[in-house]
Amino acid sequence: MQFKNMKKFLPIILIAIAVFVGYRFLNTDKTNTTLNFPEQFIDDRSNFAEVKQLFNNAMDLTMPPDNSGKPFDMPKEQEDQIRSKLAEGISLSKKIDDSFLDYLNPDLKNNFRNKYVRGYELFLEGLSSDTSNINSIGVQKQLESGKLIDEFNAWWDSNKDAITNKAYPEK
């Protein structure tokens, strides 16, 4: 008997939970927050997010179709997409004002420009260079690229919450 009553209330409870979660999600959306954020940095913030997205999208395209991590023959169109996204991200990164990066974190400018963006510059250069063997210039550039990007990612993981909170302050 109690189970039948519970079955009647279960959809209501689930709807209430969904509404609550949805409300919380909508109230934590910080994409349009401008209150308490310097107006001169709004475009930089948008460009910064776009650069990160372009680089992430490019790296997603480098994954083998079966996600095995094994080498695979990449179609030329896919390689062209990677090059395009990387070049666009690198170009857009140059439009981000250093004062914006300094505003978010005093170490962000160095890490963003000299590790993150430089890493993707090297990756792009490596794609255009000889990659015939492990000692070739293209492979060496890609290895150096991975090292710089890993250094940035380790730094970012330690600082991203504070940076994100400053970039998207609460209303």
N, C-alpha and C. Protein backbone atom coordinates (compact mmCIF):
# COMPACT_ATOMS: atom_id res chain seq x y z
N MET A 1 0.82 -1.19 0.00
CA MET A 1 0.00 0.00 0.00
C MET A 1 0.87 1.26 0.00
N GLN A 2 1.88 1.28 0.85
CA GLN A 2 2.75 2.45 0.90
C GLN A 2 3.50 2.64 -0.41
N PHE A 3 3.86 1.55 -1.06
CA PHE A 3 4.58 1.65 -2.33
C PHE A 3 3.71 2.30 -3.39
N LYS A 4 2.41 1.99 -3.40
CA LYS A 4 1.50 2.60 -4.37
C LYS A 4 1.42 4.10 -4.14
N ASN A 5 1.35 4.53 -2.87
CA ASN A 5 1.32 5.96 -2.57
C ASN A 5 2.63 6.62 -2.99
N MET A 6 3.73 5.93 -2.77
CA MET A 6 5.04 6.45 -3.14
C MET A 6 5.12 6.61 -4.65
N LYS A 7 4.57 5.65 -5.41
CA LYS A 7 4.59 5.73 -6.87
C LYS A 7 3.83 6.95 -7.37
N LYS A 8 2.79 7.37 -6.64
CA LYS A 8 2.02 8.55 -7.03
C LYS A 8 2.82 9.82 -6.83
N PHE A 9 3.59 9.85 -5.77
CA PHE A 9 4.34 11.06 -5.43
C PHE A 9 5.71 11.14 -6.10
N LEU A 10 6.23 10.01 -6.57
CA LEU A 10 7.55 9.99 -7.18
C LEU A 10 7.67 10.97 -8.35
N PRO A 11 6.72 11.01 -9.31
CA PRO A 11 6.85 11.99 -10.39
C PRO A 11 6.85 13.43 -9.88
N ILE A 12 6.08 13.72 -8.88
CA ILE A 12 6.03 15.07 -8.32
C ILE A 12 7.37 15.42 -7.68
N ILE A 13 7.92 14.47 -6.96
CA ILE A 13 9.22 14.69 -6.31
C ILE A 13 10.30 14.90 -7.37
N LEU A 14 10.28 14.07 -8.42
CA LEU A 14 11.28 14.20 -9.48
C LEU A 14 11.15 15.54 -10.20
N ILE A 15 9.94 15.99 -10.44
CA ILE A 15 9.72 17.29 -11.08
C ILE A 15 10.23 18.41 -10.18
N ALA A 16 9.95 18.32 -8.89
CA ALA A 16 10.42 19.34 -7.95
C ALA A 16 11.95 19.39 -7.92
N ILE A 17 12.58 18.23 -7.93
CA ILE A 17 14.04 18.18 -7.93
C ILE A 17 14.57 18.78 -9.23
N ALA A 18 13.95 18.43 -10.36
CA ALA A 18 14.39 18.96 -11.66
C ALA A 18 14.25 20.48 -11.70
N VAL A 19 13.14 21.00 -11.18
CA VAL A 19 12.94 22.45 -11.15
C VAL A 19 14.00 23.11 -10.27
N PHE A 20 14.26 22.53 -9.10
CA PHE A 20 15.26 23.08 -8.19
C PHE A 20 16.64 23.08 -8.83
N VAL A 21 17.03 21.95 -9.43
CA VAL A 21 18.35 21.85 -10.07
C VAL A 21 18.44 22.82 -11.24
N GLY A 22 17.38 22.89 -12.03
CA GLY A 22 17.36 23.83 -13.15
C GLY A 22 17.49 25.26 -12.70
N TYR A 23 16.79 25.62 -11.65
CA TYR A 23 16.86 26.97 -11.10
C TYR A 23 18.28 27.28 -10.61
N ARG A 24 18.88 26.32 -9.91
CA ARG A 24 20.25 26.52 -9.41
C ARG A 24 21.22 26.66 -10.58
N PHE A 25 21.02 25.86 -11.63
CA PHE A 25 21.89 25.92 -12.79
C PHE A 25 21.75 27.29 -13.47
N LEU A 26 20.55 27.75 -13.65
CA LEU A 26 20.34 29.05 -14.29
C LEU A 26 20.92 30.18 -13.46
N ASN A 27 20.85 30.08 -12.17
CA ASN A 27 21.38 31.14 -11.31
C ASN A 27 22.89 31.11 -11.20
N THR A 28 23.53 30.05 -11.64
CA THR A 28 25.00 30.02 -11.60
C THR A 28 25.59 30.29 -12.97
N ASP A 29 24.77 30.56 -13.96
CA ASP A 29 25.27 30.91 -15.29
C ASP A 29 25.95 32.27 -15.20
N LYS A 30 27.25 32.28 -15.44
CA LYS A 30 28.02 33.51 -15.27
C LYS A 30 28.46 34.11 -16.60
N THR A 31 27.93 33.59 -17.71
CA THR A 31 28.43 34.02 -19.01
C THR A 31 28.12 35.47 -19.32
N ASN A 32 27.05 36.03 -18.78
CA ASN A 32 26.69 37.40 -19.10
C ASN A 32 26.96 38.37 -17.95
N THR A 33 27.66 37.91 -16.95
CA THR A 33 27.91 38.75 -15.78
C THR A 33 28.81 39.92 -16.15
N THR A 34 28.33 41.11 -15.93
CA THR A 34 29.17 42.29 -16.14
C THR A 34 29.24 43.12 -14.87
N LEU A 35 28.31 42.90 -13.97
CA LEU A 35 28.32 43.62 -12.71
C LEU A 35 29.58 43.21 -11.93
N ASN A 36 30.26 44.14 -11.36
CA ASN A 36 31.49 43.89 -10.60
C ASN A 36 32.65 43.40 -11.46
N PHE A 37 32.57 43.61 -12.76
CA PHE A 37 33.65 43.22 -13.65
C PHE A 37 33.99 44.42 -14.52
N PRO A 38 35.28 44.76 -14.63
CA PRO A 38 35.66 45.94 -15.42
C PRO A 38 35.18 45.85 -16.87
N GLU A 39 34.45 46.85 -17.27
CA GLU A 39 33.85 46.86 -18.60
C GLU A 39 34.88 46.79 -19.72
N GLN A 40 36.07 47.35 -19.50
CA GLN A 40 37.09 47.36 -20.56
C GLN A 40 37.63 45.96 -20.85
N PHE A 41 37.32 44.98 -19.99
CA PHE A 41 37.83 43.63 -20.18
C PHE A 41 36.80 42.65 -20.73
N ILE A 42 35.61 43.10 -21.03
CA ILE A 42 34.55 42.19 -21.46
C ILE A 42 34.94 41.47 -22.75
N ASP A 43 35.46 42.20 -23.74
CA ASP A 43 35.89 41.55 -24.99
C ASP A 43 37.06 40.60 -24.76
N ASP A 44 37.98 40.98 -23.88
CA ASP A 44 39.12 40.12 -23.57
C ASP A 44 38.65 38.81 -22.94
N ARG A 45 37.68 38.92 -22.05
CA ARG A 45 37.13 37.72 -21.39
C ARG A 45 36.52 36.79 -22.44
N SER A 46 35.77 37.36 -23.34
CA SER A 46 35.14 36.56 -24.39
C SER A 46 36.21 35.93 -25.30
N ASN A 47 37.22 36.70 -25.67
CA ASN A 47 38.30 36.19 -26.51
C ASN A 47 39.08 35.09 -25.81
N PHE A 48 39.34 35.27 -24.52
CA PHE A 48 40.06 34.27 -23.73
C PHE A 48 39.30 32.94 -23.76
N ALA A 49 38.00 32.99 -23.52
CA ALA A 49 37.19 31.77 -23.52
C ALA A 49 37.18 31.15 -24.92
N GLU A 50 37.11 31.98 -25.95
CA GLU A 50 37.09 31.49 -27.33
C GLU A 50 38.42 30.82 -27.69
N VAL A 51 39.54 31.40 -27.26
CA VAL A 51 40.85 30.80 -27.52
C VAL A 51 40.92 29.41 -26.90
N LYS A 52 40.51 29.30 -25.65
CA LYS A 52 40.54 28.00 -24.98
C LYS A 52 39.65 26.99 -25.72
N GLN A 53 38.50 27.44 -26.17
CA GLN A 53 37.59 26.55 -26.88
C GLN A 53 38.17 26.11 -28.23
N LEU A 54 38.77 27.04 -28.96
CA LEU A 54 39.38 26.70 -30.25
C LEU A 54 40.50 25.67 -30.08
N PHE A 55 41.35 25.88 -29.08
CA PHE A 55 42.44 24.94 -28.83
C PHE A 55 41.89 23.57 -28.41
N ASN A 56 40.87 23.57 -27.55
CA ASN A 56 40.27 22.30 -27.13
C ASN A 56 39.65 21.57 -28.32
N ASN A 57 38.94 22.31 -29.17
CA ASN A 57 38.33 21.70 -30.35
C ASN A 57 39.38 21.12 -31.29
N ALA A 58 40.49 21.84 -31.44
CA ALA A 58 41.57 21.34 -32.30
C ALA A 58 42.13 20.04 -31.73
N MET A 59 42.34 19.99 -30.42
CA MET A 59 42.90 18.78 -29.82
C MET A 59 41.92 17.62 -29.88
N ASP A 60 40.62 17.90 -29.77
CA ASP A 60 39.63 16.84 -29.92
C ASP A 60 39.75 16.17 -31.28
N LEU A 61 40.08 16.96 -32.29
CA LEU A 61 40.21 16.43 -33.65
C LEU A 61 41.45 15.56 -33.83
N THR A 62 42.40 15.64 -32.91
CA THR A 62 43.61 14.82 -33.03
C THR A 62 43.41 13.41 -32.48
N MET A 63 42.29 13.19 -31.84
CA MET A 63 42.02 11.88 -31.23
C MET A 63 41.62 10.88 -32.32
N PRO A 64 42.11 9.64 -32.21
CA PRO A 64 41.71 8.62 -33.18
C PRO A 64 40.20 8.38 -33.09
N PRO A 65 39.58 8.01 -34.19
CA PRO A 65 38.13 7.82 -34.21
C PRO A 65 37.63 6.83 -33.16
N ASP A 66 38.44 5.84 -32.82
CA ASP A 66 38.01 4.83 -31.84
C ASP A 66 38.49 5.17 -30.43
N ASN A 67 39.09 6.37 -30.24
CA ASN A 67 39.61 6.82 -28.94
C ASN A 67 40.61 5.85 -28.33
N SER A 68 41.30 5.09 -29.17
CA SER A 68 42.24 4.09 -28.67
C SER A 68 43.57 4.70 -28.24
N GLY A 69 43.87 5.90 -28.73
CA GLY A 69 45.16 6.50 -28.45
C GLY A 69 46.25 6.00 -29.36
N LYS A 70 45.91 5.09 -30.26
CA LYS A 70 46.88 4.54 -31.20
C LYS A 70 47.01 5.47 -32.40
N PRO A 71 48.19 5.47 -33.03
CA PRO A 71 48.37 6.29 -34.24
C PRO A 71 47.35 5.90 -35.31
N PHE A 72 46.95 6.88 -36.09
CA PHE A 72 46.01 6.62 -37.17
C PHE A 72 46.29 7.58 -38.32
N ASP A 73 45.83 7.20 -39.49
CA ASP A 73 45.99 8.06 -40.66
C ASP A 73 44.88 9.10 -40.64
N MET A 74 45.28 10.34 -40.42
CA MET A 74 44.31 11.42 -40.32
C MET A 74 43.96 11.92 -41.72
N PRO A 75 42.67 12.03 -41.99
CA PRO A 75 42.27 12.61 -43.29
C PRO A 75 42.77 14.05 -43.41
N LYS A 76 43.12 14.45 -44.61
CA LYS A 76 43.65 15.79 -44.85
C LYS A 76 42.67 16.86 -44.39
N GLU A 77 41.37 16.66 -44.59
CA GLU A 77 40.37 17.65 -44.17
C GLU A 77 40.41 17.86 -42.66
N GLN A 78 40.61 16.78 -41.93
CA GLN A 78 40.68 16.85 -40.47
C GLN A 78 41.94 17.61 -40.04
N GLU A 79 43.06 17.31 -40.69
CA GLU A 79 44.30 18.02 -40.38
C GLU A 79 44.16 19.51 -40.70
N ASP A 80 43.47 19.82 -41.79
CA ASP A 80 43.23 21.22 -42.16
C ASP A 80 42.37 21.93 -41.11
N GLN A 81 41.39 21.22 -40.58
CA GLN A 81 40.54 21.79 -39.52
C GLN A 81 41.37 22.09 -38.27
N ILE A 82 42.26 21.17 -37.94
CA ILE A 82 43.13 21.36 -36.77
C ILE A 82 43.99 22.60 -36.98
N ARG A 83 44.63 22.68 -38.13
CA ARG A 83 45.48 23.84 -38.44
C ARG A 83 44.67 25.14 -38.36
N SER A 84 43.48 25.12 -38.92
CA SER A 84 42.64 26.32 -38.95
C SER A 84 42.25 26.76 -37.53
N LYS A 85 41.82 25.82 -36.71
CA LYS A 85 41.42 26.16 -35.34
C LYS A 85 42.61 26.67 -34.52
N LEU A 86 43.76 26.02 -34.69
CA LEU A 86 44.95 26.48 -33.98
C LEU A 86 45.36 27.87 -34.43
N ALA A 87 45.38 28.09 -35.73
CA ALA A 87 45.77 29.41 -36.26
C ALA A 87 44.79 30.49 -35.79
N GLU A 88 43.50 30.18 -35.78
CA GLU A 88 42.51 31.14 -35.33
C GLU A 88 42.69 31.44 -33.84
N GLY A 89 42.93 30.41 -33.04
CA GLY A 89 43.14 30.61 -31.61
C GLY A 89 44.39 31.43 -31.32
N ILE A 90 45.46 31.14 -32.04
CA ILE A 90 46.72 31.89 -31.87
C ILE A 90 46.51 33.35 -32.24
N SER A 91 45.85 33.58 -33.36
CA SER A 91 45.58 34.96 -33.79
C SER A 91 44.71 35.70 -32.78
N LEU A 92 43.66 35.04 -32.31
CA LEU A 92 42.76 35.68 -31.34
C LEU A 92 43.46 35.94 -30.01
N SER A 93 44.40 35.07 -29.64
CA SER A 93 45.11 35.26 -28.37
C SER A 93 45.89 36.57 -28.35
N LYS A 94 46.33 37.01 -29.52
CA LYS A 94 47.10 38.26 -29.61
C LYS A 94 46.22 39.49 -29.37
N LYS A 95 44.91 39.32 -29.45
CA LYS A 95 43.98 40.42 -29.21
C LYS A 95 43.64 40.59 -27.74
N ILE A 96 44.05 39.64 -26.91
CA ILE A 96 43.77 39.70 -25.48
C ILE A 96 44.80 40.61 -24.82
N ASP A 97 44.30 41.63 -24.15
CA ASP A 97 45.16 42.63 -23.52
C ASP A 97 45.88 42.03 -22.31
N ASP A 98 47.18 42.32 -22.21
CA ASP A 98 47.96 41.84 -21.06
C ASP A 98 47.38 42.33 -19.74
N SER A 99 46.81 43.52 -19.73
CA SER A 99 46.26 44.05 -18.47
C SER A 99 45.07 43.21 -18.00
N PHE A 100 44.34 42.60 -18.93
CA PHE A 100 43.25 41.69 -18.56
C PHE A 100 43.82 40.45 -17.86
N LEU A 101 44.86 39.88 -18.46
CA LEU A 101 45.48 38.69 -17.88
C LEU A 101 46.06 39.01 -16.50
N ASP A 102 46.72 40.17 -16.38
CA ASP A 102 47.27 40.60 -15.09
C ASP A 102 46.17 40.83 -14.06
N TYR A 103 45.04 41.37 -14.51
CA TYR A 103 43.90 41.62 -13.62
C TYR A 103 43.41 40.30 -13.01
N LEU A 104 43.35 39.26 -13.84
CA LEU A 104 42.83 37.98 -13.35
C LEU A 104 43.81 37.27 -12.42
N ASN A 105 45.10 37.34 -12.75
CA ASN A 105 46.12 36.69 -11.92
C ASN A 105 47.48 37.20 -12.40
N PRO A 106 48.36 37.62 -11.47
CA PRO A 106 49.64 38.17 -11.88
C PRO A 106 50.53 37.20 -12.67
N ASP A 107 50.28 35.89 -12.54
CA ASP A 107 51.07 34.90 -13.26
C ASP A 107 50.40 34.40 -14.54
N LEU A 108 49.17 34.85 -14.79
CA LEU A 108 48.43 34.35 -15.95
C LEU A 108 49.07 34.76 -17.26
N LYS A 109 49.52 36.01 -17.35
CA LYS A 109 50.10 36.49 -18.61
C LYS A 109 51.26 35.60 -19.05
N ASN A 110 52.19 35.34 -18.17
CA ASN A 110 53.34 34.50 -18.49
C ASN A 110 52.90 33.08 -18.85
N ASN A 111 52.04 32.50 -18.04
CA ASN A 111 51.62 31.13 -18.30
C ASN A 111 50.78 31.02 -19.57
N PHE A 112 49.90 31.98 -19.80
CA PHE A 112 49.05 31.96 -20.99
C PHE A 112 49.88 32.16 -22.25
N ARG A 113 50.70 33.19 -22.26
CA ARG A 113 51.44 33.53 -23.48
C ARG A 113 52.62 32.59 -23.74
N ASN A 114 53.41 32.30 -22.70
CA ASN A 114 54.67 31.58 -22.89
C ASN A 114 54.56 30.07 -22.76
N LYS A 115 53.45 29.59 -22.25
CA LYS A 115 53.27 28.14 -22.15
C LYS A 115 52.08 27.68 -22.99
N TYR A 116 50.92 28.23 -22.71
CA TYR A 116 49.71 27.77 -23.39
C TYR A 116 49.73 28.12 -24.88
N VAL A 117 49.77 29.39 -25.19
CA VAL A 117 49.74 29.81 -26.60
C VAL A 117 51.02 29.34 -27.31
N ARG A 118 52.17 29.51 -26.68
CA ARG A 118 53.43 29.07 -27.30
C ARG A 118 53.40 27.57 -27.58
N GLY A 119 52.82 26.83 -26.67
CA GLY A 119 52.69 25.39 -26.88
C GLY A 119 51.91 25.06 -28.14
N TYR A 120 50.81 25.78 -28.34
CA TYR A 120 50.00 25.53 -29.55
C TYR A 120 50.67 26.08 -30.80
N GLU A 121 51.45 27.14 -30.67
CA GLU A 121 52.24 27.61 -31.81
C GLU A 121 53.23 26.52 -32.25
N LEU A 122 53.90 25.92 -31.27
CA LEU A 122 54.85 24.85 -31.58
C LEU A 122 54.14 23.64 -32.16
N PHE A 123 52.97 23.33 -31.65
CA PHE A 123 52.21 22.20 -32.18
C PHE A 123 51.88 22.43 -33.65
N LEU A 124 51.42 23.64 -33.95
CA LEU A 124 51.09 23.99 -35.33
C LEU A 124 52.34 23.94 -36.22
N GLU A 125 53.45 24.47 -35.73
CA GLU A 125 54.71 24.41 -36.49
C GLU A 125 55.12 22.95 -36.72
N GLY A 126 54.93 22.13 -35.70
CA GLY A 126 55.26 20.71 -35.82
C GLY A 126 54.45 20.00 -36.88
N LEU A 127 53.17 20.38 -37.01
CA LEU A 127 52.33 19.79 -38.05
C LEU A 127 52.84 20.10 -39.44
N SER A 128 53.49 21.25 -39.57
CA SER A 128 53.98 21.69 -40.88
C SER A 128 55.42 21.29 -41.15
N SER A 129 56.03 20.57 -40.22
CA SER A 129 57.43 20.19 -40.34
C SER A 129 57.56 18.68 -40.57
N ASP A 130 58.77 18.25 -40.80
CA ASP A 130 59.07 16.84 -40.99
C ASP A 130 58.74 16.07 -39.72
N THR A 131 57.92 15.04 -39.86
CA THR A 131 57.59 14.17 -38.71
C THR A 131 57.91 12.71 -39.04
N SER A 132 58.94 12.51 -39.85
CA SER A 132 59.25 11.17 -40.35
C SER A 132 59.81 10.23 -39.28
N ASN A 133 60.43 10.78 -38.24
CA ASN A 133 60.94 9.93 -37.17
C ASN A 133 60.99 10.72 -35.86
N ILE A 134 61.28 10.05 -34.79
CA ILE A 134 61.24 10.64 -33.45
C ILE A 134 62.20 11.82 -33.31
N ASN A 135 63.28 11.84 -34.09
CA ASN A 135 64.26 12.93 -33.99
C ASN A 135 63.99 14.07 -34.97
N SER A 136 62.95 13.94 -35.77
CA SER A 136 62.65 14.98 -36.75
C SER A 136 62.18 16.26 -36.06
N ILE A 137 62.34 17.37 -36.74
CA ILE A 137 62.02 18.68 -36.17
C ILE A 137 60.54 18.78 -35.80
N GLY A 138 59.67 18.22 -36.64
CA GLY A 138 58.23 18.29 -36.36
C GLY A 138 57.86 17.55 -35.09
N VAL A 139 58.42 16.36 -34.91
CA VAL A 139 58.15 15.58 -33.71
C VAL A 139 58.72 16.29 -32.48
N GLN A 140 59.92 16.84 -32.61
CA GLN A 140 60.53 17.55 -31.48
C GLN A 140 59.69 18.77 -31.07
N LYS A 141 59.17 19.49 -32.07
CA LYS A 141 58.31 20.64 -31.76
C LYS A 141 57.03 20.19 -31.07
N GLN A 142 56.47 19.09 -31.51
CA GLN A 142 55.25 18.60 -30.88
C GLN A 142 55.50 18.10 -29.46
N LEU A 143 56.66 17.50 -29.24
CA LEU A 143 57.00 17.08 -27.88
C LEU A 143 57.18 18.29 -26.95
N GLU A 144 57.87 19.30 -27.44
CA GLU A 144 58.05 20.54 -26.66
C GLU A 144 56.69 21.20 -26.42
N SER A 145 55.85 21.16 -27.43
CA SER A 145 54.50 21.70 -27.32
C SER A 145 53.75 21.03 -26.17
N GLY A 146 53.78 19.72 -26.16
CA GLY A 146 53.09 18.96 -25.11
C GLY A 146 53.60 19.32 -23.73
N LYS A 147 54.91 19.50 -23.61
CA LYS A 147 55.51 19.86 -22.32
C LYS A 147 55.00 21.21 -21.84
N LEU A 148 55.00 22.20 -22.73
CA LEU A 148 54.53 23.54 -22.35
C LEU A 148 53.04 23.55 -21.99
N ILE A 149 52.25 22.86 -22.79
CA ILE A 149 50.81 22.82 -22.53
C ILE A 149 50.53 22.09 -21.22
N ASP A 150 51.26 21.01 -20.95
CA ASP A 150 51.11 20.30 -19.67
C ASP A 150 51.47 21.20 -18.50
N GLU A 151 52.54 22.00 -18.64
CA GLU A 151 52.92 22.93 -17.57
C GLU A 151 51.82 23.96 -17.34
N PHE A 152 51.25 24.48 -18.44
CA PHE A 152 50.15 25.43 -18.29
C PHE A 152 48.97 24.74 -17.61
N ASN A 153 48.61 23.55 -18.05
CA ASN A 153 47.45 22.86 -17.48
C ASN A 153 47.62 22.59 -15.99
N ALA A 154 48.82 22.22 -15.57
CA ALA A 154 49.07 22.01 -14.14
C ALA A 154 48.89 23.32 -13.37
N TRP A 155 49.42 24.40 -13.92
CA TRP A 155 49.26 25.71 -13.29
C TRP A 155 47.78 26.11 -13.28
N TRP A 156 47.10 25.93 -14.41
CA TRP A 156 45.69 26.29 -14.54
C TRP A 156 44.84 25.53 -13.53
N ASP A 157 45.10 24.23 -13.38
CA ASP A 157 44.31 23.43 -12.44
C ASP A 157 44.41 23.98 -11.02
N SER A 158 45.54 24.55 -10.67
CA SER A 158 45.73 25.12 -9.33
C SER A 158 45.12 26.50 -9.18
N ASN A 159 44.84 27.17 -10.29
CA ASN A 159 44.42 28.58 -10.23
C ASN A 159 43.08 28.87 -10.90
N LYS A 160 42.50 27.90 -11.58
CA LYS A 160 41.32 28.17 -12.40
C LYS A 160 40.11 28.64 -11.59
N ASP A 161 39.92 28.12 -10.39
CA ASP A 161 38.74 28.55 -9.61
C ASP A 161 38.81 30.03 -9.27
N ALA A 162 39.96 30.48 -8.78
CA ALA A 162 40.10 31.90 -8.43
C ALA A 162 40.00 32.77 -9.68
N ILE A 163 40.59 32.33 -10.77
CA ILE A 163 40.54 33.11 -12.01
C ILE A 163 39.12 33.17 -12.54
N THR A 164 38.46 32.03 -12.57
CA THR A 164 37.08 31.99 -13.06
C THR A 164 36.16 32.85 -12.20
N ASN A 165 36.32 32.78 -10.90
CA ASN A 165 35.50 33.61 -10.01
C ASN A 165 35.74 35.10 -10.23
N LYS A 166 36.95 35.45 -10.55
CA LYS A 166 37.26 36.86 -10.81
C LYS A 166 36.76 37.29 -12.19
N ALA A 167 36.85 36.38 -13.15
CA ALA A 167 36.38 36.67 -14.51
C ALA A 167 34.86 36.73 -14.59
N TYR A 168 34.20 35.95 -13.75
CA TYR A 168 32.73 35.90 -13.74
C TYR A 168 32.22 36.09 -12.32
N PRO A 169 32.34 37.32 -11.81
CA PRO A 169 31.93 37.56 -10.43
C PRO A 169 30.42 37.37 -10.24
N GLU A 170 30.07 37.05 -9.01
CA GLU A 170 28.64 36.90 -8.68
C GLU A 170 27.94 38.22 -8.85
N LYS A 171 26.68 38.13 -9.20
CA LYS A 171 25.87 39.35 -9.39
C LYS A 171 25.61 40.02 -8.07
